[in-house]
């Protein structure tokens, strides 16, 4: 005797026609939307942190080149009133390029600069395309108003600002001296990238110091 395991046609048709109702679909879509809403801010924060960490690595590479320059020049730092090369002044990075081991970015025919690490912060939103660099050489702001024929003793006075404890007007303390290299603009705070702030408010700026340390701009 052969047994027939085929389900009754009525039950089979009912099973095949069964699907999600509109209410069930809306519920699933709502759950997915909630999960995406929770995940996106967390993902944005992780991405922002990753860019900041990579930026700090760039600053350490630049500091390594700066230390090599100092070793060859009796502890002095490059005398340059600008970060980027202009006319007769090669700029701080132009002087340090051989010590960093990476040529400075070149300008293309359409006026856009190459994007080359370690000169470009991954959180930069366009500044490096205009100037070639995301970072600023802070001593240049002092050297812009200093005579070029200063003696070594007077040049050392500038170095003291970047190697001895400093307290800014907002009360922030820098026991290792003021930052010698840092982001040109505030790249690392959400909603404030690309904006200038007072010189003593360094939130959102990654900063590098002559002692080789790097501070995240929180």
Foldseek 3Di string as FASTA:
>chain_A
DDDDPDDDPVVVVVVVPDDDDPVRVVVVVVVVVVVCVVVVVVVVVVVLVVLLVLLLVQVLLLLQLQVVVCVVVVNFGDQALFQPDDDPGNHRCSVSCVSSVHHQWDADPVQFTDADPPFDRPLADCPCRNGRGQKTQVCSPVSVPDDPPDDPVVSVVSVCQQAAWDADPVGDIDRRHFFRMKGPFQRRDPPGTPDDDPPNQQASMWGAGNVSDIDRRD
